[in-house]
Structure formats: C-alpha cells, structure tokens
N, C-alpha and C. Protein backbone atom coordinates (compact mmCIF):
# COMPACT_ATOMS: atom_id res chain seq x y z
N UNK A 1 8.47 -11.18 56.13
CA UNK A 1 9.56 -11.87 55.71
C UNK A 1 10.39 -12.05 57.16
N UNK A 2 11.52 -12.91 56.62
CA UNK A 2 12.37 -13.23 57.66
C UNK A 2 13.52 -12.34 57.86
N UNK A 3 13.90 -11.38 56.97
CA UNK A 3 14.48 -10.49 57.34
C UNK A 3 16.09 -10.86 57.12
N UNK A 4 16.56 -11.95 56.57
CA UNK A 4 17.62 -12.52 56.52
C UNK A 4 17.96 -12.24 55.19
N UNK A 5 19.51 -11.77 54.58
CA UNK A 5 19.78 -11.72 53.30
C UNK A 5 19.90 -13.07 52.52
N UNK A 6 19.83 -13.29 51.19
CA UNK A 6 20.17 -14.18 50.34
C UNK A 6 21.38 -14.53 50.37
N UNK A 7 22.12 -15.85 50.34
CA UNK A 7 23.19 -15.78 50.21
C UNK A 7 23.80 -17.04 49.16
N UNK A 8 24.84 -16.82 48.73
CA UNK A 8 25.12 -18.09 47.67
C UNK A 8 24.60 -18.00 46.52
N UNK A 9 23.84 -19.24 46.00
CA UNK A 9 23.35 -19.30 44.64
C UNK A 9 22.07 -18.45 44.70
N UNK A 10 21.33 -18.52 45.92
CA UNK A 10 20.54 -17.65 45.79
C UNK A 10 20.51 -16.18 45.56
N UNK A 11 21.30 -15.52 46.13
CA UNK A 11 21.73 -14.10 45.85
C UNK A 11 21.99 -13.85 44.45
N UNK A 12 22.77 -15.14 43.80
CA UNK A 12 23.21 -14.82 42.44
C UNK A 12 21.86 -14.96 41.46
N UNK A 13 20.97 -15.67 42.06
CA UNK A 13 19.66 -15.82 41.16
C UNK A 13 18.96 -14.54 41.20
N UNK A 14 18.82 -13.87 42.38
CA UNK A 14 18.17 -12.55 42.68
C UNK A 14 18.84 -11.38 42.00
N UNK A 15 20.18 -11.45 41.91
CA UNK A 15 20.81 -10.68 41.13
C UNK A 15 20.71 -10.27 39.55
N UNK A 16 20.60 -11.67 39.14
CA UNK A 16 20.52 -12.00 37.58
C UNK A 16 19.17 -11.43 37.41
N UNK A 17 18.06 -12.07 38.19
CA UNK A 17 16.70 -11.79 38.05
C UNK A 17 16.53 -10.11 38.00
N UNK A 18 17.20 -9.42 38.64
CA UNK A 18 17.10 -8.09 38.90
C UNK A 18 17.40 -7.37 37.53
N UNK A 19 18.85 -7.96 37.11
CA UNK A 19 19.42 -7.96 35.80
C UNK A 19 18.33 -8.01 34.43
N UNK A 20 17.90 -8.96 34.74
CA UNK A 20 17.07 -9.63 33.43
C UNK A 20 15.78 -8.38 33.56
N UNK A 21 15.31 -8.14 34.51
CA UNK A 21 13.95 -7.17 34.90
C UNK A 21 14.44 -5.73 34.21
N UNK A 22 15.76 -5.29 34.30
CA UNK A 22 16.20 -4.15 33.77
C UNK A 22 16.42 -3.93 32.11
N UNK A 23 16.89 -5.40 31.86
CA UNK A 23 17.00 -5.46 30.15
C UNK A 23 15.90 -5.74 29.65
N UNK A 24 14.75 -6.13 30.36
CA UNK A 24 13.55 -6.17 29.71
C UNK A 24 13.01 -5.12 28.76
N UNK A 25 13.40 -4.00 29.43
CA UNK A 25 12.77 -2.70 28.45
C UNK A 25 13.90 -2.30 27.48
N UNK A 26 13.75 -3.12 26.37
CA UNK A 26 14.76 -3.10 25.16
C UNK A 26 14.38 -2.06 24.38
N UNK A 27 14.24 -0.50 25.08
CA UNK A 27 13.92 0.55 24.16
C UNK A 27 15.11 0.88 23.02
N UNK A 28 16.28 0.13 22.93
CA UNK A 28 17.30 0.42 22.04
C UNK A 28 17.02 -0.28 20.93
N UNK A 29 16.15 -1.10 20.67
CA UNK A 29 15.79 -2.00 19.36
C UNK A 29 14.38 -1.48 19.03
N UNK A 30 13.70 -0.45 19.47
CA UNK A 30 12.44 -0.19 19.11
C UNK A 30 12.24 0.49 17.69
N UNK A 31 13.09 1.22 17.09
CA UNK A 31 13.41 1.62 15.94
C UNK A 31 14.05 1.06 14.96
N UNK A 32 14.70 0.04 15.37
CA UNK A 32 15.84 -0.72 14.51
C UNK A 32 14.98 -1.43 13.60
N UNK A 33 15.40 -1.46 12.27
CA UNK A 33 14.55 -2.17 11.51
C UNK A 33 15.50 -3.24 10.75
N UNK A 34 16.36 -3.65 11.14
CA UNK A 34 17.50 -4.59 10.86
C UNK A 34 16.75 -5.88 11.13
N UNK A 35 16.92 -6.90 9.70
CA UNK A 35 16.39 -8.16 10.16
C UNK A 35 17.62 -9.02 10.18
N UNK A 36 17.59 -10.07 10.92
CA UNK A 36 18.40 -11.22 11.12
C UNK A 36 18.21 -12.14 10.35
N UNK A 37 18.97 -12.97 9.67
CA UNK A 37 18.74 -14.02 8.74
C UNK A 37 17.80 -13.73 7.60
N UNK A 38 17.96 -12.12 7.62
CA UNK A 38 16.94 -11.89 6.33
C UNK A 38 15.32 -11.83 6.65
N UNK A 39 14.89 -12.21 7.62
CA UNK A 39 13.58 -12.26 7.93
C UNK A 39 13.13 -11.63 9.25
N UNK A 40 13.78 -12.01 10.34
CA UNK A 40 13.73 -11.95 11.95
C UNK A 40 14.07 -10.46 12.31
N UNK A 41 13.11 -9.65 12.93
CA UNK A 41 13.20 -8.29 13.28
C UNK A 41 14.17 -8.50 14.38
N UNK A 42 15.15 -7.56 14.69
CA UNK A 42 16.21 -7.87 15.69
C UNK A 42 15.54 -7.61 17.08
N UNK A 43 14.59 -6.77 17.24
CA UNK A 43 13.70 -6.48 18.48
C UNK A 43 12.91 -7.95 18.86
N UNK A 44 12.42 -8.65 17.60
CA UNK A 44 12.05 -10.02 18.15
C UNK A 44 13.30 -10.97 18.59
N UNK A 45 14.22 -10.76 17.87
CA UNK A 45 15.35 -11.68 18.05
C UNK A 45 15.95 -11.64 19.64
N UNK A 46 15.70 -10.57 20.00
CA UNK A 46 16.23 -9.89 21.37
C UNK A 46 15.30 -10.51 22.37
N UNK A 47 13.93 -10.28 22.07
CA UNK A 47 13.05 -11.11 22.96
C UNK A 47 12.99 -12.25 23.15
N UNK A 48 13.47 -13.12 22.02
CA UNK A 48 13.61 -14.66 21.94
C UNK A 48 14.94 -14.86 22.87
N UNK A 49 15.91 -14.12 22.65
CA UNK A 49 16.93 -14.51 23.30
C UNK A 49 16.80 -14.25 24.88
N UNK A 50 15.98 -13.23 25.29
CA UNK A 50 15.52 -12.81 26.49
C UNK A 50 14.97 -14.21 27.16
N UNK A 51 14.02 -14.63 26.56
CA UNK A 51 13.13 -15.82 27.12
C UNK A 51 13.91 -16.82 27.29
N UNK A 52 14.95 -17.02 26.42
CA UNK A 52 15.92 -18.26 26.76
C UNK A 52 16.83 -17.64 27.93
N UNK A 53 17.25 -16.66 28.23
CA UNK A 53 18.03 -16.30 29.49
C UNK A 53 17.14 -16.64 30.63
N UNK A 54 15.68 -16.37 30.30
CA UNK A 54 14.90 -16.51 31.71
C UNK A 54 14.53 -17.78 32.20
N UNK A 55 14.68 -18.67 30.90
CA UNK A 55 14.45 -20.09 30.96
C UNK A 55 15.79 -20.67 31.79
N UNK A 56 16.96 -20.18 31.28
CA UNK A 56 18.05 -20.84 32.18
C UNK A 56 18.21 -20.22 33.45
N UNK A 57 17.84 -19.01 33.69
CA UNK A 57 17.60 -18.68 34.91
C UNK A 57 17.07 -19.43 36.03
N UNK A 58 15.85 -19.68 35.63
CA UNK A 58 14.89 -20.70 36.07
C UNK A 58 15.55 -21.93 36.34
N UNK A 59 16.02 -22.48 35.30
CA UNK A 59 16.80 -23.65 35.79
C UNK A 59 17.72 -23.65 36.73
N UNK A 60 18.46 -22.73 36.91
CA UNK A 60 19.43 -22.51 37.72
C UNK A 60 18.85 -22.38 39.03
N UNK A 61 17.99 -21.50 39.13
CA UNK A 61 17.28 -21.26 40.60
C UNK A 61 16.53 -22.72 40.89
N UNK A 62 16.39 -23.56 40.13
CA UNK A 62 15.48 -24.83 40.64
C UNK A 62 16.52 -25.71 41.05
N UNK A 63 17.76 -25.80 40.28
CA UNK A 63 18.89 -26.61 40.41
C UNK A 63 19.76 -26.40 41.49
N UNK A 64 20.10 -25.06 41.79
CA UNK A 64 21.03 -24.83 42.90
C UNK A 64 20.49 -23.65 44.05
N UNK A 65 19.32 -22.99 43.59
CA UNK A 65 18.87 -22.45 44.64
C UNK A 65 17.71 -22.61 45.35
N UNK A 66 17.08 -23.89 44.90
CA UNK A 66 15.66 -24.21 45.51
C UNK A 66 15.60 -24.09 47.03
N UNK A 67 14.93 -23.46 47.63
CA UNK A 67 14.91 -23.90 49.29
C UNK A 67 14.48 -25.34 49.62
N UNK A 68 15.47 -26.04 49.73
CA UNK A 68 15.28 -27.42 50.15
C UNK A 68 14.46 -27.80 51.35
N UNK A 69 14.65 -26.73 52.41
CA UNK A 69 14.31 -26.87 53.61
C UNK A 69 12.61 -26.93 53.70
N UNK A 70 12.08 -26.15 52.48
CA UNK A 70 10.61 -26.01 52.47
C UNK A 70 10.12 -27.56 51.82
N UNK A 71 10.74 -28.12 50.87
CA UNK A 71 10.74 -29.48 50.30
C UNK A 71 10.43 -30.24 51.36
N UNK A 72 11.76 -30.51 52.30
CA UNK A 72 11.47 -31.28 53.52
C UNK A 72 10.34 -31.24 54.32
N UNK A 73 10.05 -29.77 54.26
CA UNK A 73 8.77 -29.46 55.46
C UNK A 73 7.49 -29.95 54.76
N UNK A 74 7.25 -29.86 53.36
CA UNK A 74 5.93 -30.10 52.85
C UNK A 74 5.88 -31.65 52.71
N UNK A 75 6.86 -32.40 52.55
CA UNK A 75 6.81 -33.96 52.49
C UNK A 75 6.84 -34.55 53.98
N UNK A 76 7.03 -33.75 55.13
CA UNK A 76 7.15 -34.53 56.28
C UNK A 76 5.54 -34.23 56.88
N UNK A 77 5.33 -35.34 57.88
CA UNK A 77 3.80 -34.99 58.39
C UNK A 77 4.27 -34.21 59.75
N UNK A 78 3.68 -33.19 59.66
CA UNK A 78 4.07 -31.96 60.68
C UNK A 78 2.66 -31.31 61.11
N UNK A 79 2.67 -31.21 62.50
CA UNK A 79 1.35 -30.48 62.96
C UNK A 79 1.18 -29.37 62.64
N UNK A 80 -0.12 -28.65 62.52
CA UNK A 80 -0.34 -27.36 61.91
C UNK A 80 0.42 -26.35 62.79
N UNK A 81 0.80 -26.45 64.10
CA UNK A 81 1.33 -25.21 64.73
C UNK A 81 2.91 -25.30 64.40
N UNK A 82 3.63 -26.20 63.82
CA UNK A 82 4.53 -26.22 63.32
C UNK A 82 5.21 -25.79 61.84
N UNK A 83 4.02 -25.18 61.50
CA UNK A 83 3.95 -24.68 59.88
C UNK A 83 4.54 -23.48 59.89
N UNK A 84 5.32 -23.09 58.78
CA UNK A 84 5.85 -21.74 58.98
C UNK A 84 4.93 -20.69 58.73
N UNK A 85 5.06 -19.61 59.02
CA UNK A 85 4.16 -18.43 59.00
C UNK A 85 3.75 -18.09 57.55
N UNK A 86 2.59 -17.44 57.32
CA UNK A 86 2.06 -17.23 55.96
C UNK A 86 3.12 -15.95 55.78
N UNK A 87 3.00 -15.85 54.56
CA UNK A 87 3.56 -14.55 53.72
C UNK A 87 2.84 -13.44 54.11
N UNK A 88 3.45 -12.30 54.18
CA UNK A 88 2.47 -10.90 54.62
C UNK A 88 1.44 -10.69 53.68
N UNK A 89 0.24 -10.19 54.20
CA UNK A 89 -0.71 -9.86 53.08
C UNK A 89 -1.49 -11.26 52.66
N UNK A 90 -1.43 -12.53 53.19
CA UNK A 90 -1.95 -13.70 52.75
C UNK A 90 -2.66 -14.12 54.20
N UNK A 91 -3.78 -15.14 53.92
CA UNK A 91 -4.17 -15.61 55.07
C UNK A 91 -3.60 -17.28 55.25
N UNK A 92 -3.46 -17.75 56.39
CA UNK A 92 -2.87 -18.83 56.64
C UNK A 92 -4.25 -19.69 56.26
N UNK A 93 -3.94 -20.85 55.53
CA UNK A 93 -4.67 -21.92 55.20
C UNK A 93 -4.12 -23.34 55.89
N UNK A 94 -4.84 -23.65 56.94
CA UNK A 94 -4.59 -25.25 57.40
C UNK A 94 -4.87 -26.55 56.54
N UNK A 95 -4.00 -27.65 56.37
CA UNK A 95 -4.39 -28.58 55.57
C UNK A 95 -5.73 -29.37 56.17
N UNK A 96 -6.21 -29.85 55.09
CA UNK A 96 -7.71 -30.44 55.49
C UNK A 96 -7.25 -31.77 56.45
N UNK A 97 -8.07 -32.14 57.16
CA UNK A 97 -7.97 -33.21 58.19
C UNK A 97 -8.09 -34.45 57.52
N UNK A 98 -7.36 -35.78 57.58
CA UNK A 98 -7.46 -36.66 56.95
C UNK A 98 -8.23 -37.70 57.85
N UNK A 99 -9.06 -37.17 58.85
CA UNK A 99 -10.01 -38.18 59.59
C UNK A 99 -11.10 -38.43 58.61
C-alpha cells in the first residue's frame, strides 16, 4: 500500500463501510417475531434496508470517491515500466503486446 491515509470523500466512504460492516451482525433481531406490514419478518426487513444502504454507499463511492487517476492511467497509452506497482500478494501482469 502507499501508506497515505484516505481523505475527503474516500475517508467518508471507508468510515461508512466500516459502520455497515458492524451493523451487518443484526443479532438484535434474531429472536424478534414482529411482522412488518403483516407478512415481513423484521429481520428480513432489516436486511433489505441494509442492502439498500450498501447500494447507496456504492453509488456514493463511484460518484465522489472513485480514484480518477486510475481511470486516466487505464485509458492512456503508458509504457509497462510506468504502470503502478501491483498490490501486495499479487503478481504483476503486463498487458499483451499489440504487435
């Protein structure tokens, strides 16, 4: 990793993602037999709302926190030695030659 902290929208996205990870364990609804609208178990309604929150977070991440420098790099013709370093634990893959 680069060792730099996320800032601005990216930090907000990471923070909300961490909060959603903690909220995913909805142990408070495991034994609740309440039905919403007369048919929907409250635990299932919670999971549906959780899924919508995850969708909203992904929309925010793509809209405001997407790393545009990677998009610029990916769409440019860049020599292989100028490519970013691979993630730790992965092997570097060079693009196929167009010759």
